[in-house]
Amino acid sequence: MTTSAPRRILVIGSGAREHAIARRLARCEGVEALWVAPGNGGTERPFAGARVPIGRAALAPKAPEIVAFCRQFAVDFVIVGPEAPLVLGLADELSAAGLVVFGPSRAAARLEASKAFLKGFAARHRIPTAAFDVVTTFDDAARVIRERGAPIVVKADGLCAGKGVVVATSEAEALDAARAMLVDGVFGDAGRTVILEACLTGVEVSLLALSDGERFVVLPPARDHKRAYDGDRGPNTGGMGVIAPVAELDPALLARVEREILRPTIDGMRAEGAPFRGVLFAGLMLTADGPMLLEHNVRFGDPECEALMELWEGDVARALHAAATGALQPELVRFSDRHACVVVIAAAGYPSAPRAGDPIGGLDAAEAMPGVSVLHAGTALRDGVSITAGGRVLAIAGVGDTPREARERAYAAVDHVAIDGAFHRRDIGLIDPAKRG
């Protein structure tokens, strides 16, 4: 089976994930032009080491606008980064217009769009996951919480930008979370259905796999750090940093995850008429009883993606295109044996009310550090100066021969960046995974 190489690529999204993907694609042989839409302040700047022209297309993720752009500029491959447009069916609409798209269909994206769907799917296909109840009223939620006791996990069913999960350590905390979702409507329609889960203990790992709907290839395992502050304290965020690879998922355990979680998911979605093409994210808890599925996402995790793109040695453009066209081959997916550490710098007030408009200093000095990539997330350009324009502002990636070297390089670059009121964690990669949280 031979695979073709895309030449003119459009990446949809505006975060550090899309910046990382675009930077990696820019180094792929055969790629001659690349755009990011709507992009950010980093995608408007020249990429270090880029071989191809980079453009920022100020497009909203709406199919008619994207289709018109692709036809005008002869785009032959579209990569959809964020979950929201996938859940709304963007990949279906672009595919119907004749474009090759990396990202699952709306039907396949239900794995992330609805936690209730995921739990039912896991039950149907005997995928190990926490015991759960699905409720739609506060009275039912209160009954389950009192029956199960604490700790208990309270999850809004739909997309909540990483804020719809509460690990409640007391019944009162669980009741407050359920009331906020079901009565106060803090997450709108996304919280009209709530999943109440048994609280699992163990080591948490992120494992991603490329899939063409039938075959899949796993990527190096990673560990995200969700809490805002050192010591895994503070509110949950979209992710404050990540390390990859991690040692806890040894070959025997990885084979078990493939057999018990990944293969049943890929086969199950195909059997249910929604073949999964794209990148499947499995959030895992490695418990004393074996690996358990916490969640599936239907796109590259952020910040996991930033670490993985730093370690990917194969032709990323060809590999993603092969997954999108049903022609995935294991030899297309190659990674170095090095290590990556990514540290997120967040704006003042994140995650509840991030401040925008602050100038960002020290970017050139940080980018010049050896083994470092500065990936933009919530940034914009104002009169040629980078400013904050979102909660997670930058993701600083360090790569080294050892975890320690990767971490030291990342933090050396972080220390060059100056943003009024911004903050970051100093312990990415240092927390004992068996004693987290």
Protein backbone atom coordinates (compact mmCIF):
# COMPACT_ATOMS: atom_id res chain seq x y z
CA MET A 1 0.00 0.00 0.00
CA THR A 2 1.44 3.38 -0.98
CA THR A 3 0.49 6.69 0.54
CA SER A 4 0.52 10.11 -1.03
CA ALA A 5 2.01 13.23 0.54
CA PRO A 6 -0.20 16.31 0.86
CA ARG A 7 1.32 19.47 -0.58
CA ARG A 8 -0.93 22.35 0.49
CA ILE A 9 -2.32 22.05 4.01
CA LEU A 10 -4.82 24.02 6.09
CA VAL A 11 -4.77 23.53 9.88
CA ILE A 12 -7.96 24.57 11.70
CA GLY A 13 -7.52 25.99 15.21
CA SER A 14 -5.94 28.76 17.24
CA GLY A 15 -4.05 27.14 20.11
CA ALA A 16 -0.60 25.85 20.93
CA ARG A 17 -1.70 22.45 19.61
CA GLU A 18 -2.24 23.90 16.13
CA HIS A 19 0.96 25.95 16.31
CA ALA A 20 2.88 22.77 17.21
CA ILE A 21 1.28 20.78 14.38
CA ALA A 22 1.97 23.53 11.85
CA ARG A 23 5.61 23.90 12.89
CA ARG A 24 6.12 20.16 12.50
CA LEU A 25 4.32 20.02 9.14
CA ALA A 26 6.50 22.86 7.86
CA ARG A 27 9.50 20.55 8.03
CA CYS A 28 7.90 17.70 6.08
CA GLU A 29 9.14 16.87 2.60
CA GLY A 30 6.59 17.53 -0.12
CA VAL A 31 4.69 20.23 1.77
CA GLU A 32 4.87 23.44 -0.24
CA ALA A 33 2.33 25.72 1.48
CA LEU A 34 0.67 25.82 4.88
CA TRP A 35 -2.04 27.92 6.53
CA VAL A 36 -3.49 28.05 10.06
CA ALA A 37 -7.03 29.30 10.59
CA PRO A 38 -7.86 31.35 12.54
CA GLY A 39 -4.38 31.01 14.03
CA ASN A 40 -2.80 33.18 16.72
CA GLY A 41 0.07 35.58 17.25
CA GLY A 42 2.60 32.78 16.85
CA THR A 43 1.27 31.59 13.51
CA GLU A 44 1.60 35.13 12.17
CA ARG A 45 5.33 35.09 12.84
CA PRO A 46 7.93 33.24 10.73
CA PHE A 47 8.51 29.70 12.00
CA ALA A 48 12.02 28.81 13.07
CA GLY A 49 13.40 26.36 10.52
CA ALA A 50 10.29 26.46 8.31
CA ARG A 51 10.90 25.30 4.74
CA VAL A 52 7.58 26.45 3.34
CA PRO A 53 5.54 29.66 3.25
CA ILE A 54 3.28 29.96 6.30
CA GLY A 55 0.08 31.95 6.23
CA ARG A 56 -2.58 32.84 8.78
CA ALA A 57 -6.07 32.59 7.31
CA ALA A 58 -8.50 34.57 9.46
CA LEU A 59 -11.29 32.04 9.01
CA ALA A 60 -13.89 30.93 11.50
CA PRO A 61 -14.25 27.13 11.59
CA LYS A 62 -17.31 27.21 9.29
CA ALA A 63 -17.52 24.85 6.37
CA PRO A 64 -18.59 27.18 3.50
CA GLU A 65 -15.82 29.67 4.27
CA ILE A 66 -13.23 26.90 4.57
CA VAL A 67 -14.34 25.18 1.37
CA ALA A 68 -14.11 28.46 -0.57
CA PHE A 69 -10.61 29.11 0.81
CA CYS A 70 -9.45 25.60 -0.05
CA ARG A 71 -10.68 25.90 -3.61
CA GLN A 72 -9.14 29.33 -4.05
CA PHE A 73 -5.70 28.22 -2.80
CA ALA A 74 -5.75 24.59 -4.03
CA VAL A 75 -5.58 23.12 -0.50
CA ASP A 76 -5.42 19.33 -0.70
CA PHE A 77 -5.52 18.43 3.02
CA VAL A 78 -7.34 19.90 6.04
CA ILE A 79 -6.42 19.06 9.63
CA VAL A 80 -9.04 19.94 12.26
CA GLY A 81 -7.44 20.56 15.67
CA PRO A 82 -10.14 21.40 18.26
CA GLU A 83 -13.00 19.20 19.40
CA ALA A 84 -15.88 21.68 19.04
CA PRO A 85 -15.96 21.86 15.21
CA LEU A 86 -15.56 18.08 14.99
CA VAL A 87 -18.51 17.55 17.33
CA LEU A 88 -20.55 19.92 15.14
CA GLY A 89 -19.75 17.89 12.02
CA LEU A 90 -17.12 20.02 10.28
CA ALA A 91 -15.25 16.96 8.99
CA ASP A 92 -18.45 15.61 7.42
CA GLU A 93 -19.19 18.88 5.63
CA LEU A 94 -15.65 19.28 4.31
CA SER A 95 -15.52 15.66 3.17
CA ALA A 96 -18.84 16.08 1.37
CA ALA A 97 -17.25 18.98 -0.53
CA GLY A 98 -14.50 16.66 -1.76
CA LEU A 99 -11.73 17.64 0.69
CA VAL A 100 -9.46 15.17 2.48
CA VAL A 101 -9.89 15.82 6.20
CA PHE A 102 -7.99 14.61 9.26
CA GLY A 103 -10.55 14.37 12.05
CA PRO A 104 -13.48 12.07 12.83
CA SER A 105 -17.05 12.38 11.64
CA ARG A 106 -19.73 13.86 13.85
CA ALA A 107 -20.99 10.36 14.64
CA ALA A 108 -17.52 9.19 15.69
CA ALA A 109 -16.94 12.40 17.67
CA ARG A 110 -19.74 11.36 20.04
CA LEU A 111 -17.00 9.60 22.01
CA GLU A 112 -16.05 13.05 23.30
CA ALA A 113 -19.27 14.99 22.68
CA SER A 114 -21.25 12.96 25.20
CA LYS A 115 -19.83 11.30 28.28
CA ALA A 116 -23.11 9.41 28.63
CA PHE A 117 -22.63 8.00 25.12
CA LEU A 118 -19.06 7.02 25.97
CA LYS A 119 -20.09 5.20 29.15
CA GLY A 120 -22.85 3.35 27.32
CA PHE A 121 -20.45 2.49 24.50
CA ALA A 122 -17.89 1.17 27.00
CA ALA A 123 -20.56 -1.00 28.62
CA ARG A 124 -21.70 -2.38 25.23
CA HIS A 125 -18.16 -3.28 24.19
CA ARG A 126 -16.91 -4.42 27.60
CA ILE A 127 -14.28 -1.72 27.92
CA PRO A 128 -13.11 -1.38 31.54
CA THR A 129 -14.25 1.89 33.11
CA ALA A 130 -15.54 3.20 36.43
CA ALA A 131 -19.00 2.24 37.67
CA PHE A 132 -21.45 5.03 36.83
CA ASP A 133 -24.98 6.43 36.88
CA VAL A 134 -26.50 8.87 34.39
CA VAL A 135 -28.99 11.38 35.79
CA THR A 136 -30.99 14.30 34.45
CA THR A 137 -32.53 15.72 37.64
CA PHE A 138 -30.99 17.01 40.84
CA ASP A 139 -33.21 14.73 42.95
CA ASP A 140 -31.83 11.66 41.18
CA ALA A 141 -28.29 13.01 41.49
CA ALA A 142 -28.73 13.57 45.21
CA ARG A 143 -30.07 10.04 45.68
CA VAL A 144 -27.10 8.47 43.85
CA ILE A 145 -24.57 10.64 45.70
CA ARG A 146 -25.99 9.65 49.07
CA GLU A 147 -26.07 5.98 48.06
CA ARG A 148 -22.53 5.92 46.68
CA GLY A 149 -20.96 8.35 49.14
CA ALA A 150 -17.70 10.23 48.58
CA PRO A 151 -15.28 10.50 46.94
CA ILE A 152 -17.30 10.60 43.73
CA VAL A 153 -16.75 12.13 40.30
CA VAL A 154 -19.40 14.49 38.91
CA LYS A 155 -19.24 15.07 35.14
CA ALA A 156 -21.28 17.25 32.82
CA ASP A 157 -22.26 15.24 29.77
CA GLY A 158 -21.17 17.65 27.04
CA LEU A 159 -18.17 19.78 26.13
CA CYS A 160 -17.16 22.24 28.84
CA ALA A 161 -13.63 23.28 27.77
CA GLY A 162 -12.06 21.05 30.41
CA LYS A 163 -14.13 22.51 33.27
CA GLY A 164 -17.02 20.05 33.49
CA VAL A 165 -15.48 17.47 35.84
CA VAL A 166 -15.47 17.71 39.63
CA VAL A 167 -13.69 15.10 41.77
CA ALA A 168 -15.72 15.60 44.95
CA THR A 169 -14.11 14.54 48.21
CA SER A 170 -17.33 14.95 50.22
CA GLU A 171 -21.04 14.44 49.62
CA ALA A 172 -21.61 18.16 50.14
CA GLU A 173 -19.10 19.03 47.41
CA ALA A 174 -20.70 16.51 45.05
CA LEU A 175 -24.18 17.89 45.74
CA ASP A 176 -22.96 21.43 45.09
CA ALA A 177 -21.43 20.36 41.77
CA ALA A 178 -24.57 18.51 40.69
CA ARG A 179 -26.76 21.46 41.70
CA ALA A 180 -24.57 23.87 39.74
CA MET A 181 -24.94 21.74 36.61
CA LEU A 182 -28.54 20.54 36.83
CA VAL A 183 -30.24 23.43 38.62
CA ASP A 184 -28.11 26.53 38.07
CA GLY A 185 -27.19 25.56 34.51
CA VAL A 186 -23.57 26.72 34.75
CA PHE A 187 -22.69 24.69 31.64
CA GLY A 188 -25.94 25.25 29.76
CA ASP A 189 -27.07 22.33 27.61
CA ALA A 190 -23.77 20.53 28.23
CA GLY A 191 -24.76 20.03 31.88
CA ARG A 192 -28.40 19.00 31.47
CA THR A 193 -27.26 15.38 31.80
CA VAL A 194 -24.77 14.43 34.51
CA ILE A 195 -22.64 11.32 34.96
CA LEU A 196 -21.80 10.22 38.50
CA GLU A 197 -18.78 7.93 38.60
CA ALA A 198 -16.94 5.90 41.17
CA CYS A 199 -13.64 7.61 41.96
CA LEU A 200 -10.73 5.52 40.71
CA THR A 201 -7.26 5.61 42.26
CA GLY A 202 -3.96 4.89 40.59
CA VAL A 203 -1.62 6.49 38.06
CA GLU A 204 -3.13 8.64 35.31
CA VAL A 205 -1.73 8.44 31.76
CA SER A 206 -2.68 9.94 28.39
CA LEU A 207 -2.35 7.54 25.46
CA LEU A 208 -3.06 8.64 21.91
CA ALA A 209 -3.40 6.50 18.79
CA LEU A 210 -3.70 7.31 15.10
CA SER A 211 -6.50 5.36 13.43
CA ASP A 212 -7.74 4.98 9.86
CA GLY A 213 -10.99 3.38 11.00
CA GLU A 214 -9.59 -0.15 11.10
CA ARG A 215 -5.87 -0.05 11.93
CA PHE A 216 -4.29 2.03 14.68
CA VAL A 217 -0.79 2.97 15.82
CA VAL A 218 -0.12 4.12 19.38
CA LEU A 219 1.97 7.22 20.16
CA PRO A 220 4.27 7.63 23.18
CA PRO A 221 2.33 7.85 26.47
CA ALA A 222 2.24 11.21 28.23
CA ARG A 223 1.17 12.71 31.55
CA ASP A 224 -0.78 15.96 31.74
CA HIS A 225 -0.84 18.19 34.82
CA LYS A 226 -4.37 19.61 35.10
CA ARG A 227 -4.36 21.53 38.37
CA ALA A 228 -3.42 25.20 38.24
CA TYR A 229 -0.81 25.29 40.99
CA ASP A 230 2.22 23.41 42.26
CA GLY A 231 1.57 20.23 44.18
CA ASP A 232 -1.51 19.49 42.05
CA ARG A 233 -3.51 22.12 43.91
CA GLY A 234 -6.08 24.62 42.73
CA PRO A 235 -8.78 24.43 40.07
CA ASN A 236 -8.71 22.10 37.10
CA THR A 237 -7.49 23.74 33.90
CA GLY A 238 -7.07 22.78 30.26
CA GLY A 239 -3.57 21.60 31.22
CA MET A 240 -0.58 23.35 32.81
CA GLY A 241 2.13 21.10 31.43
CA VAL A 242 2.99 17.62 30.24
CA ILE A 243 5.84 15.13 30.04
CA ALA A 244 6.40 12.37 27.48
CA PRO A 245 7.06 9.53 27.41
CA VAL A 246 6.21 8.07 30.84
CA ALA A 247 7.57 4.83 32.23
CA GLU A 248 4.49 3.46 34.02
CA LEU A 249 2.92 2.13 30.80
CA ASP A 250 5.40 -0.69 30.20
CA PRO A 251 5.15 -2.97 27.11
CA ALA A 252 2.99 -5.57 28.87
CA LEU A 253 0.57 -2.97 30.21
CA LEU A 254 0.50 -1.18 26.86
CA ALA A 255 -0.43 -4.43 25.13
CA ARG A 256 -3.27 -4.84 27.62
CA VAL A 257 -4.53 -1.29 26.94
CA GLU A 258 -4.46 -1.98 23.20
CA ARG A 259 -6.33 -5.26 23.66
CA GLU A 260 -8.90 -4.14 26.25
CA ILE A 261 -9.49 -0.45 25.39
CA LEU A 262 -8.15 0.75 22.04
CA ARG A 263 -9.03 -2.24 19.85
CA PRO A 264 -12.59 -2.56 21.24
CA THR A 265 -13.10 1.18 20.68
CA ILE A 266 -11.93 1.15 17.06
CA ASP A 267 -13.80 -2.07 16.26
CA GLY A 268 -16.88 -0.97 18.18
CA MET A 269 -17.20 2.35 16.40
CA ARG A 270 -16.86 0.64 13.03
CA ALA A 271 -19.49 -1.95 14.04
CA GLU A 272 -21.85 0.85 15.09
CA GLY A 273 -21.53 2.53 11.69
CA ALA A 274 -19.16 5.33 12.70
CA PRO A 275 -15.59 4.33 11.77
CA PHE A 276 -13.07 6.42 13.69
CA ARG A 277 -10.50 8.17 11.50
CA GLY A 278 -8.21 10.59 13.22
CA VAL A 279 -6.42 10.58 16.54
CA LEU A 280 -8.08 8.83 19.47
CA PHE A 281 -7.11 10.09 22.93
CA ALA A 282 -7.54 7.66 25.82
CA GLY A 283 -7.36 9.10 29.31
CA LEU A 284 -6.38 6.13 31.47
CA MET A 285 -6.17 5.31 35.15
CA LEU A 286 -3.72 2.51 35.88
CA THR A 287 -5.39 0.92 38.90
CA ALA A 288 -4.55 -2.10 41.02
CA ASP A 289 -7.16 -3.99 38.97
CA GLY A 290 -5.66 -2.96 35.64
CA PRO A 291 -6.05 -0.05 33.21
CA MET A 292 -9.40 1.73 33.23
CA LEU A 293 -10.78 4.22 30.70
CA LEU A 294 -11.48 7.66 32.19
CA GLU A 295 -12.37 9.43 28.94
CA HIS A 296 -11.94 9.44 25.19
CA ASN A 297 -11.13 12.58 23.26
CA VAL A 298 -11.34 12.69 19.48
CA ARG A 299 -8.34 14.93 18.74
CA PHE A 300 -4.78 15.57 19.85
CA GLY A 301 -4.72 16.50 23.52
CA ASP A 302 -3.43 19.92 24.45
CA PRO A 303 -0.71 20.11 25.82
CA GLU A 304 0.07 16.45 24.99
CA CYS A 305 0.27 17.34 21.30
CA GLU A 306 3.02 19.90 21.88
CA ALA A 307 5.24 17.24 23.45
CA LEU A 308 4.49 14.59 20.85
CA MET A 309 5.20 16.89 17.92
CA GLU A 310 8.63 17.60 19.40
CA LEU A 311 9.42 13.87 19.51
CA TRP A 312 7.91 12.82 16.15
CA GLU A 313 10.62 11.84 13.68
CA GLY A 314 8.52 10.41 10.84
CA ASP A 315 6.69 12.32 8.12
CA VAL A 316 3.78 13.79 10.07
CA ALA A 317 1.99 15.09 6.97
CA ARG A 318 2.05 11.69 5.27
CA ALA A 319 1.03 9.84 8.44
CA LEU A 320 -1.99 12.05 9.16
CA HIS A 321 -3.03 11.94 5.50
CA ALA A 322 -2.79 8.12 5.53
CA ALA A 323 -5.03 7.93 8.61
CA ALA A 324 -7.55 10.25 6.93
CA THR A 325 -7.65 8.16 3.76
CA GLY A 326 -7.78 4.67 5.26
CA ALA A 327 -4.17 3.81 4.40
CA LEU A 328 -2.35 3.96 7.75
CA GLN A 329 0.93 2.05 7.93
CA PRO A 330 2.96 1.59 11.14
CA GLU A 331 6.22 2.60 9.47
CA LEU A 332 4.82 6.09 8.88
CA VAL A 333 4.72 6.76 12.63
CA ARG A 334 8.22 7.06 14.09
CA PHE A 335 9.36 8.77 17.29
CA SER A 336 12.74 9.51 18.79
CA ASP A 337 13.82 7.95 22.08
CA ARG A 338 14.26 11.41 23.63
CA HIS A 339 12.09 13.12 26.25
CA ALA A 340 9.89 16.21 26.17
CA CYS A 341 8.65 18.53 28.91
CA VAL A 342 6.08 21.25 28.19
CA VAL A 343 5.36 24.08 30.63
CA VAL A 344 2.30 26.27 30.12
CA ILE A 345 2.41 29.97 30.99
CA ALA A 346 -1.08 31.20 31.89
CA ALA A 347 -2.49 34.72 31.97
CA ALA A 348 -3.40 36.52 35.17
CA GLY A 349 -6.83 35.36 36.33
CA TYR A 350 -6.75 31.99 34.57
CA PRO A 351 -8.81 29.79 34.54
CA SER A 352 -11.86 31.73 35.73
CA ALA A 353 -11.26 35.20 34.24
CA PRO A 354 -8.03 35.45 32.24
CA ARG A 355 -6.75 38.96 31.52
CA ALA A 356 -5.96 39.94 27.94
CA GLY A 357 -3.84 42.65 26.36
CA ASP A 358 -0.62 42.32 28.39
CA PRO A 359 2.64 42.61 26.37
CA ILE A 360 4.79 39.47 26.20
CA GLY A 361 8.52 39.99 26.61
CA GLY A 362 11.48 37.67 26.18
CA LEU A 363 10.13 35.52 23.33
CA ASP A 364 13.22 35.78 21.16
CA ALA A 365 15.52 34.88 24.05
CA ALA A 366 13.36 31.90 25.00
CA GLU A 367 13.18 30.64 21.41
CA ALA A 368 16.97 30.89 21.08
CA MET A 369 17.57 28.42 23.92
CA PRO A 370 18.89 25.02 22.76
CA GLY A 371 16.34 22.23 22.51
CA VAL A 372 13.40 24.62 23.02
CA SER A 373 10.25 25.47 21.06
CA VAL A 374 7.98 28.37 22.03
CA LEU A 375 4.43 27.50 21.07
CA HIS A 376 1.76 30.19 21.07
CA ALA A 377 -1.74 29.61 22.41
CA GLY A 378 -3.61 32.68 23.68
CA THR A 379 -1.59 35.35 21.90
CA ALA A 380 -2.17 38.07 19.30
CA LEU A 381 -0.08 40.72 17.59
CA ARG A 382 -0.70 44.42 18.28
CA ASP A 383 1.49 46.82 16.32
CA GLY A 384 4.01 44.02 15.88
CA VAL A 385 4.14 43.23 19.61
CA SER A 386 2.90 39.91 21.02
CA ILE A 387 0.18 40.33 23.65
CA THR A 388 -1.93 37.97 25.73
CA ALA A 389 -5.27 37.02 24.20
CA GLY A 390 -6.40 33.94 26.13
CA GLY A 391 -6.04 31.91 29.30
CA ARG A 392 -3.16 29.63 28.37
CA VAL A 393 -0.76 32.02 26.68
CA LEU A 394 2.32 29.97 25.76
CA ALA A 395 3.50 26.37 25.88
CA ILE A 396 7.26 26.13 26.26
CA ALA A 397 8.62 22.76 25.11
CA GLY A 398 12.02 21.43 26.08
CA VAL A 399 13.55 18.28 24.57
CA GLY A 400 16.49 16.33 25.98
CA ASP A 401 18.14 12.95 26.18
CA THR A 402 16.76 12.48 29.70
CA PRO A 403 13.61 13.70 31.48
CA ARG A 404 15.78 15.96 33.62
CA GLU A 405 17.46 17.60 30.63
CA ALA A 406 14.11 18.18 28.91
CA ARG A 407 12.69 19.74 32.06
CA GLU A 408 15.72 21.97 32.68
CA ARG A 409 15.64 23.25 29.10
CA ALA A 410 11.94 24.05 29.29
CA TYR A 411 12.26 25.98 32.54
CA ALA A 412 15.38 27.84 31.41
CA ALA A 413 13.34 29.19 28.50
CA VAL A 414 10.29 29.89 30.68
CA ASP A 415 12.45 32.10 32.88
CA HIS A 416 13.13 34.42 29.92
CA VAL A 417 9.43 35.15 29.36
CA ALA A 418 7.96 38.25 31.02
CA ILE A 419 4.17 38.81 31.24
CA ASP A 420 2.61 40.95 33.93
CA GLY A 421 0.61 38.79 36.35
CA ALA A 422 1.19 35.54 34.44
CA PHE A 423 1.98 32.31 36.28
CA HIS A 424 3.15 28.75 35.67
CA ARG A 425 3.84 25.62 37.65
CA ARG A 426 7.41 24.83 38.74
CA ASP A 427 6.83 21.10 39.27
CA ILE A 428 5.91 19.74 35.85
CA GLY A 429 7.37 16.25 35.73
CA LEU A 430 8.34 16.18 39.42
CA ILE A 431 5.11 14.98 41.05
CA ASP A 432 5.17 11.29 42.01
CA PRO A 433 2.30 9.93 39.84
CA ALA A 434 1.32 7.45 42.56
CA LYS A 435 0.78 10.29 45.04
CA ARG A 436 -0.95 12.88 42.88
CA GLY A 437 -3.91 14.90 43.76
